[in-house]
Amino acid sequence: MISYLGPASAAIITGSVVIEQIFQIPGLGRYFVQGALNRDYTLVMGVVMFYGALIIVVNFLVDLAYGLLDPKVGYR
């Protein structure tokens, strides 16, 4: 179950862009879409970098949790 949380959290984070745009919820997804429509490439790159860093951190935390919860997995 722990190994499922990394990709699931990535899907939730990136899927929020669509939900924010459809339901008019203010958030990073809305800035991303507006930046793309207005050709504000620095804003788009910043949001993509933020989402990428957030996904990397979440996956790293899931890997650490997996190592702590499963005694068969050891970090050398």
PDB file of N, CA and C in Angstrom:
ATOM      1  N   MET A   1       0.821  -1.186   0.000  1.00  0.00           N
ATOM      2  CA  MET A   1       0.000   0.000   0.000  1.00  0.00           C
ATOM      3  C   MET A   1       0.868   1.254   0.000  1.00  0.00           C
ATOM      4  N   ILE A   2       1.972   1.200   0.706  1.00  0.00           N
ATOM      5  CA  ILE A   2       2.849   2.377   0.772  1.00  0.00           C
ATOM      6  C   ILE A   2       3.424   2.701  -0.605  1.00  0.00           C
ATOM      7  N   SER A   3       3.807   1.664  -1.353  1.00  0.00           N
ATOM      8  CA  SER A   3       4.400   1.917  -2.666  1.00  0.00           C
ATOM      9  C   SER A   3       3.381   2.470  -3.664  1.00  0.00           C
ATOM     10  N   TYR A   4       2.107   2.348  -3.366  1.00  0.00           N
ATOM     11  CA  TYR A   4       1.068   2.920  -4.219  1.00  0.00           C
ATOM     12  C   TYR A   4       0.900   4.424  -3.966  1.00  0.00           C
ATOM     13  N   LEU A   5       1.270   4.891  -2.783  1.00  0.00           N
ATOM     14  CA  LEU A   5       1.023   6.284  -2.414  1.00  0.00           C
ATOM     15  C   LEU A   5       1.829   7.289  -3.230  1.00  0.00           C
ATOM     16  N   GLY A   6       3.043   6.931  -3.642  1.00  0.00           N
ATOM     17  CA  GLY A   6       3.859   7.850  -4.435  1.00  0.00           C
ATOM     18  C   GLY A   6       3.210   8.226  -5.750  1.00  0.00           C
ATOM     19  N   PRO A   7       2.929   7.236  -6.613  1.00  0.00           N
ATOM     20  CA  PRO A   7       2.257   7.581  -7.875  1.00  0.00           C
ATOM     21  C   PRO A   7       0.844   8.136  -7.688  1.00  0.00           C
ATOM     22  N   ALA A   8       0.141   7.688  -6.661  1.00  0.00           N
ATOM     23  CA  ALA A   8      -1.206   8.207  -6.422  1.00  0.00           C
ATOM     24  C   ALA A   8      -1.164   9.683  -6.034  1.00  0.00           C
ATOM     25  N   SER A   9      -0.195  10.044  -5.211  1.00  0.00           N
ATOM     26  CA  SER A   9      -0.084  11.454  -4.835  1.00  0.00           C
ATOM     27  C   SER A   9       0.309  12.310  -6.034  1.00  0.00           C
ATOM     28  N   ALA A  10       1.143  11.771  -6.920  1.00  0.00           N
ATOM     29  CA  ALA A  10       1.498  12.504  -8.138  1.00  0.00           C
ATOM     30  C   ALA A  10       0.270  12.716  -9.017  1.00  0.00           C
ATOM     31  N   ALA A  11      -0.579  11.714  -9.111  1.00  0.00           N
ATOM     32  CA  ALA A  11      -1.797  11.850  -9.914  1.00  0.00           C
ATOM     33  C   ALA A  11      -2.748  12.876  -9.302  1.00  0.00           C
ATOM     34  N   ILE A  12      -2.828  12.902  -7.984  1.00  0.00           N
ATOM     35  CA  ILE A  12      -3.703  13.880  -7.321  1.00  0.00           C
ATOM     36  C   ILE A  12      -3.178  15.298  -7.521  1.00  0.00           C
ATOM     37  N   ILE A  13      -1.870  15.462  -7.386  1.00  0.00           N
ATOM     38  CA  ILE A  13      -1.283  16.797  -7.517  1.00  0.00           C
ATOM     39  C   ILE A  13      -1.439  17.321  -8.938  1.00  0.00           C
ATOM     40  N   THR A  14      -1.116  16.496  -9.933  1.00  0.00           N
ATOM     41  CA  THR A  14      -1.212  16.974 -11.308  1.00  0.00           C
ATOM     42  C   THR A  14      -2.656  17.036 -11.793  1.00  0.00           C
ATOM     43  N   GLY A  15      -3.537  16.236 -11.243  1.00  0.00           N
ATOM     44  CA  GLY A  15      -4.938  16.284 -11.624  1.00  0.00           C
ATOM     45  C   GLY A  15      -5.662  17.498 -11.084  1.00  0.00           C
ATOM     46  N   SER A  16      -5.087  18.131 -10.088  1.00  0.00           N
ATOM     47  CA  SER A  16      -5.729  19.314  -9.523  1.00  0.00           C
ATOM     48  C   SER A  16      -5.748  20.479 -10.501  1.00  0.00           C
ATOM     49  N   VAL A  17      -4.867  20.476 -11.488  1.00  0.00           N
ATOM     50  CA  VAL A  17      -4.853  21.538 -12.497  1.00  0.00           C
ATOM     51  C   VAL A  17      -6.178  21.558 -13.238  1.00  0.00           C
ATOM     52  N   VAL A  18      -6.662  20.405 -13.631  1.00  0.00           N
ATOM     53  CA  VAL A  18      -7.924  20.319 -14.375  1.00  0.00           C
ATOM     54  C   VAL A  18      -9.103  20.685 -13.482  1.00  0.00           C
ATOM     55  N   ILE A  19      -9.125  20.173 -12.262  1.00  0.00           N
ATOM     56  CA  ILE A  19     -10.228  20.438 -11.334  1.00  0.00           C
ATOM     57  C   ILE A  19     -10.312  21.924 -11.006  1.00  0.00           C
ATOM     58  N   GLU A  20      -9.171  22.561 -10.777  1.00  0.00           N
ATOM     59  CA  GLU A  20      -9.181  23.994 -10.470  1.00  0.00           C
ATOM     60  C   GLU A  20      -9.723  24.807 -11.632  1.00  0.00           C
ATOM     61  N   GLN A  21      -9.400  24.407 -12.837  1.00  0.00           N
ATOM     62  CA  GLN A  21      -9.856  25.156 -13.995  1.00  0.00           C
ATOM     63  C   GLN A  21     -11.349  24.952 -14.236  1.00  0.00           C
ATOM     64  N   ILE A  22     -11.835  23.738 -14.050  1.00  0.00           N
ATOM     65  CA  ILE A  22     -13.252  23.454 -14.306  1.00  0.00           C
ATOM     66  C   ILE A  22     -14.147  24.128 -13.279  1.00  0.00           C
ATOM     67  N   PHE A  23     -13.789  24.020 -12.000  1.00  0.00           N
ATOM     68  CA  PHE A  23     -14.646  24.534 -10.926  1.00  0.00           C
ATOM     69  C   PHE A  23     -14.263  25.937 -10.451  1.00  0.00           C
ATOM     70  N   GLN A  24     -13.367  26.597 -11.171  1.00  0.00           N
ATOM     71  CA  GLN A  24     -12.961  27.969 -10.858  1.00  0.00           C
ATOM     72  C   GLN A  24     -12.431  28.117  -9.433  1.00  0.00           C
ATOM     73  N   ILE A  25     -11.642  27.146  -8.997  1.00  0.00           N
ATOM     74  CA  ILE A  25     -11.019  27.188  -7.674  1.00  0.00           C
ATOM     75  C   ILE A  25      -9.659  27.859  -7.821  1.00  0.00           C
ATOM     76  N   PRO A  26      -9.365  28.873  -7.012  1.00  0.00           N
ATOM     77  CA  PRO A  26      -8.054  29.515  -7.131  1.00  0.00           C
ATOM     78  C   PRO A  26      -6.952  28.584  -6.628  1.00  0.00           C
ATOM     79  N   GLY A  27      -5.880  28.530  -7.381  1.00  0.00           N
ATOM     80  CA  GLY A  27      -4.755  27.694  -7.001  1.00  0.00           C
ATOM     81  C   GLY A  27      -3.674  27.744  -8.064  1.00  0.00           C
ATOM     82  N   LEU A  28      -2.658  26.905  -7.907  1.00  0.00           N
ATOM     83  CA  LEU A  28      -1.547  26.901  -8.856  1.00  0.00           C
ATOM     84  C   LEU A  28      -1.969  26.435 -10.238  1.00  0.00           C
ATOM     85  N   GLY A  29      -2.934  25.551 -10.310  1.00  0.00           N
ATOM     86  CA  GLY A  29      -3.406  25.082 -11.610  1.00  0.00           C
ATOM     87  C   GLY A  29      -4.003  26.191 -12.441  1.00  0.00           C
ATOM     88  N   ARG A  30      -4.701  27.056 -11.781  1.00  0.00           N
ATOM     89  CA  ARG A  30      -5.303  28.192 -12.481  1.00  0.00           C
ATOM     90  C   ARG A  30      -4.222  29.137 -13.019  1.00  0.00           C
ATOM     91  N   TYR A  31      -3.188  29.376 -12.209  1.00  0.00           N
ATOM     92  CA  TYR A  31      -2.070  30.206 -12.668  1.00  0.00           C
ATOM     93  C   TYR A  31      -1.349  29.552 -13.839  1.00  0.00           C
ATOM     94  N   PHE A  32      -1.241  28.228 -13.791  1.00  0.00           N
ATOM     95  CA  PHE A  32      -0.585  27.496 -14.865  1.00  0.00           C
ATOM     96  C   PHE A  32      -1.334  27.663 -16.181  1.00  0.00           C
ATOM     97  N   VAL A  33      -2.636  27.494 -16.153  1.00  0.00           N
ATOM     98  CA  VAL A  33      -3.435  27.606 -17.379  1.00  0.00           C
ATOM     99  C   VAL A  33      -3.443  29.044 -17.882  1.00  0.00           C
ATOM    100  N   GLN A  34      -3.612  30.004 -16.987  1.00  0.00           N
ATOM    101  CA  GLN A  34      -3.605  31.406 -17.405  1.00  0.00           C
ATOM    102  C   GLN A  34      -2.245  31.820 -17.958  1.00  0.00           C
ATOM    103  N   GLY A  35      -1.174  31.319 -17.352  1.00  0.00           N
ATOM    104  CA  GLY A  35       0.163  31.605 -17.869  1.00  0.00           C
ATOM    105  C   GLY A  35       0.366  31.012 -19.249  1.00  0.00           C
ATOM    106  N   ALA A  36      -0.170  29.827 -19.487  1.00  0.00           N
ATOM    107  CA  ALA A  36      -0.054  29.213 -20.809  1.00  0.00           C
ATOM    108  C   ALA A  36      -0.861  29.990 -21.841  1.00  0.00           C
ATOM    109  N   LEU A  37      -2.049  30.427 -21.462  1.00  0.00           N
ATOM    110  CA  LEU A  37      -2.876  31.192 -22.401  1.00  0.00           C
ATOM    111  C   LEU A  37      -2.285  32.566 -22.694  1.00  0.00           C
ATOM    112  N   ASN A  38      -1.643  33.169 -21.705  1.00  0.00           N
ATOM    113  CA  ASN A  38      -1.050  34.501 -21.876  1.00  0.00           C
ATOM    114  C   ASN A  38       0.395  34.444 -22.352  1.00  0.00           C
ATOM    115  N   ARG A  39       0.898  33.248 -22.607  1.00  0.00           N
ATOM    116  CA  ARG A  39       2.277  33.022 -23.054  1.00  0.00           C
ATOM    117  C   ARG A  39       3.294  33.575 -22.068  1.00  0.00           C
ATOM    118  N   ASP A  40       3.014  33.401 -20.801  1.00  0.00           N
ATOM    119  CA  ASP A  40       3.942  33.781 -19.737  1.00  0.00           C
ATOM    120  C   ASP A  40       4.780  32.546 -19.399  1.00  0.00           C
ATOM    121  N   TYR A  41       5.841  32.351 -20.174  1.00  0.00           N
ATOM    122  CA  TYR A  41       6.606  31.123 -20.085  1.00  0.00           C
ATOM    123  C   TYR A  41       7.357  30.982 -18.763  1.00  0.00           C
ATOM    124  N   THR A  42       7.751  32.081 -18.166  1.00  0.00           N
ATOM    125  CA  THR A  42       8.450  31.968 -16.885  1.00  0.00           C
ATOM    126  C   THR A  42       7.511  31.472 -15.791  1.00  0.00           C
ATOM    127  N   LEU A  43       6.262  31.901 -15.824  1.00  0.00           N
ATOM    128  CA  LEU A  43       5.281  31.408 -14.862  1.00  0.00           C
ATOM    129  C   LEU A  43       5.006  29.929 -15.074  1.00  0.00           C
ATOM    130  N   VAL A  44       4.859  29.522 -16.317  1.00  0.00           N
ATOM    131  CA  VAL A  44       4.599  28.115 -16.629  1.00  0.00           C
ATOM    132  C   VAL A  44       5.782  27.258 -16.195  1.00  0.00           C
ATOM    133  N   MET A  45       6.995  27.691 -16.486  1.00  0.00           N
ATOM    134  CA  MET A  45       8.172  26.925 -16.075  1.00  0.00           C
ATOM    135  C   MET A  45       8.295  26.859 -14.562  1.00  0.00           C
ATOM    136  N   GLY A  46       7.958  27.937 -13.884  1.00  0.00           N
ATOM    137  CA  GLY A  46       8.012  27.941 -12.425  1.00  0.00           C
ATOM    138  C   GLY A  46       7.023  26.969 -11.800  1.00  0.00           C
ATOM    139  N   VAL A  47       5.808  26.938 -12.329  1.00  0.00           N
ATOM    140  CA  VAL A  47       4.798  26.017 -11.802  1.00  0.00           C
ATOM    141  C   VAL A  47       5.190  24.572 -12.092  1.00  0.00           C
ATOM    142  N   VAL A  48       5.717  24.312 -13.276  1.00  0.00           N
ATOM    143  CA  VAL A  48       6.154  22.955 -13.616  1.00  0.00           C
ATOM    144  C   VAL A  48       7.304  22.522 -12.715  1.00  0.00           C
ATOM    145  N   MET A  49       8.242  23.418 -12.457  1.00  0.00           N
ATOM    146  CA  MET A  49       9.367  23.094 -11.568  1.00  0.00           C
ATOM    147  C   MET A  49       8.867  22.840 -10.147  1.00  0.00           C
ATOM    148  N   PHE A  50       7.912  23.626  -9.695  1.00  0.00           N
ATOM    149  CA  PHE A  50       7.367  23.432  -8.355  1.00  0.00           C
ATOM    150  C   PHE A  50       6.659  22.091  -8.243  1.00  0.00           C
ATOM    151  N   TYR A  51       5.810  21.762  -9.226  1.00  0.00           N
ATOM    152  CA  TYR A  51       5.114  20.476  -9.216  1.00  0.00           C
ATOM    153  C   TYR A  51       6.112  19.324  -9.287  1.00  0.00           C
ATOM    154  N   GLY A  52       7.134  19.466 -10.111  1.00  0.00           N
ATOM    155  CA  GLY A  52       8.144  18.418 -10.222  1.00  0.00           C
ATOM    156  C   GLY A  52       8.891  18.204  -8.920  1.00  0.00           C
ATOM    157  N   ALA A  53       9.288  19.298  -8.271  1.00  0.00           N
ATOM    158  CA  ALA A  53       9.987  19.184  -6.987  1.00  0.00           C
ATOM    159  C   ALA A  53       9.074  18.591  -5.920  1.00  0.00           C
ATOM    160  N   LEU A  54       7.816  18.965  -5.932  1.00  0.00           N
ATOM    161  CA  LEU A  54       6.867  18.427  -4.959  1.00  0.00           C
ATOM    162  C   LEU A  54       6.663  16.923  -5.148  1.00  0.00           C
ATOM    163  N   ILE A  55       6.588  16.479  -6.387  1.00  0.00           N
ATOM    164  CA  ILE A  55       6.423  15.055  -6.666  1.00  0.00           C
ATOM    165  C   ILE A  55       7.668  14.280  -6.255  1.00  0.00           C
ATOM    166  N   ILE A  56       8.849  14.835  -6.505  1.00  0.00           N
ATOM    167  CA  ILE A  56      10.096  14.173  -6.101  1.00  0.00           C
ATOM    168  C   ILE A  56      10.169  14.041  -4.589  1.00  0.00           C
ATOM    169  N   VAL A  57       9.812  15.091  -3.861  1.00  0.00           N
ATOM    170  CA  VAL A  57       9.855  15.048  -2.397  1.00  0.00           C
ATOM    171  C   VAL A  57       8.854  14.030  -1.851  1.00  0.00           C
ATOM    172  N   VAL A  58       7.653  13.995  -2.402  1.00  0.00           N
ATOM    173  CA  VAL A  58       6.646  13.049  -1.926  1.00  0.00           C
ATOM    174  C   VAL A  58       7.089  11.618  -2.201  1.00  0.00           C
ATOM    175  N   ASN A  59       7.627  11.352  -3.381  1.00  0.00           N
ATOM    176  CA  ASN A  59       8.111  10.009  -3.690  1.00  0.00           C
ATOM    177  C   ASN A  59       9.272   9.616  -2.792  1.00  0.00           C
ATOM    178  N   PHE A  60      10.144  10.549  -2.467  1.00  0.00           N
ATOM    179  CA  PHE A  60      11.252  10.273  -1.560  1.00  0.00           C
ATOM    180  C   PHE A  60      10.744   9.937  -0.157  1.00  0.00           C
ATOM    181  N   LEU A  61       9.752  10.670   0.312  1.00  0.00           N
ATOM    182  CA  LEU A  61       9.185  10.380   1.628  1.00  0.00           C
ATOM    183  C   LEU A  61       8.482   9.023   1.657  1.00  0.00           C
ATOM    184  N   VAL A  62       7.833   8.659   0.556  1.00  0.00           N
ATOM    185  CA  VAL A  62       7.202   7.342   0.479  1.00  0.00           C
ATOM    186  C   VAL A  62       8.265   6.245   0.505  1.00  0.00           C
ATOM    187  N   ASP A  63       9.371   6.445  -0.185  1.00  0.00           N
ATOM    188  CA  ASP A  63      10.455   5.460  -0.154  1.00  0.00           C
ATOM    189  C   ASP A  63      11.041   5.318   1.246  1.00  0.00           C
ATOM    190  N   LEU A  64      11.207   6.410   1.940  1.00  0.00           N
ATOM    191  CA  LEU A  64      11.719   6.341   3.314  1.00  0.00           C
ATOM    192  C   LEU A  64      10.727   5.630   4.232  1.00  0.00           C
ATOM    193  N   ALA A  65       9.458   5.918   4.076  1.00  0.00           N
ATOM    194  CA  ALA A  65       8.437   5.258   4.896  1.00  0.00           C
ATOM    195  C   ALA A  65       8.396   3.765   4.610  1.00  0.00           C
ATOM    196  N   TYR A  66       8.574   3.389   3.354  1.00  0.00           N
ATOM    197  CA  TYR A  66       8.591   1.974   2.992  1.00  0.00           C
ATOM    198  C   TYR A  66       9.768   1.275   3.651  1.00  0.00           C
ATOM    199  N   GLY A  67      10.911   1.935   3.687  1.00  0.00           N
ATOM    200  CA  GLY A  67      12.078   1.352   4.340  1.00  0.00           C
ATOM    201  C   GLY A  67      11.916   1.228   5.846  1.00  0.00           C
ATOM    202  N   LEU A  68      11.197   2.138   6.454  1.00  0.00           N
ATOM    203  CA  LEU A  68      10.977   2.071   7.900  1.00  0.00           C
ATOM    204  C   LEU A  68       9.933   1.028   8.285  1.00  0.00           C
ATOM    205  N   LEU A  69       8.920   0.849   7.443  1.00  0.00           N
ATOM    206  CA  LEU A  69       7.842  -0.065   7.775  1.00  0.00           C
ATOM    207  C   LEU A  69       8.119  -1.517   7.398  1.00  0.00           C
ATOM    208  N   ASP A  70       8.987  -1.759   6.431  1.00  0.00           N
ATOM    209  CA  ASP A  70       9.293  -3.122   6.000  1.00  0.00           C
ATOM    210  C   ASP A  70      10.711  -3.482   6.446  1.00  0.00           C
ATOM    211  N   PRO A  71      10.867  -4.391   7.402  1.00  0.00           N
ATOM    212  CA  PRO A  71      12.212  -4.703   7.897  1.00  0.00           C
ATOM    213  C   PRO A  71      13.071  -5.464   6.889  1.00  0.00           C
ATOM    214  N   LYS A  72      12.465  -6.051   5.858  1.00  0.00           N
ATOM    215  CA  LYS A  72      13.256  -6.760   4.839  1.00  0.00           C
ATOM    216  C   LYS A  72      14.037  -5.818   3.941  1.00  0.00           C
ATOM    217  N   VAL A  73      13.575  -4.569   3.843  1.00  0.00           N
ATOM    218  CA  VAL A  73      14.232  -3.579   2.992  1.00  0.00           C
ATOM    219  C   VAL A  73      15.281  -2.866   3.843  1.00  0.00           C
ATOM    220  N   GLY A  74      16.507  -2.895   3.387  1.00  0.00           N
ATOM    221  CA  GLY A  74      17.555  -2.213   4.136  1.00  0.00           C
ATOM    222  C   GLY A  74      18.302  -1.234   3.255  1.00  0.00           C
ATOM    223  N   TYR A  75      18.678  -0.136   3.820  1.00  0.00           N
ATOM    224  CA  TYR A  75      19.448   0.866   3.101  1.00  0.00           C
ATOM    225  C   TYR A  75      20.899   0.719   3.493  1.00  0.00           C
ATOM    226  N   ARG A  76      21.763   0.485   2.522  1.00  0.00           N
ATOM    227  CA  ARG A  76      23.195   0.285   2.816  1.00  0.00           C
ATOM    228  C   ARG A  76      24.004   1.444   2.331  1.00  0.00           C
TER     229      ARG A  76
END
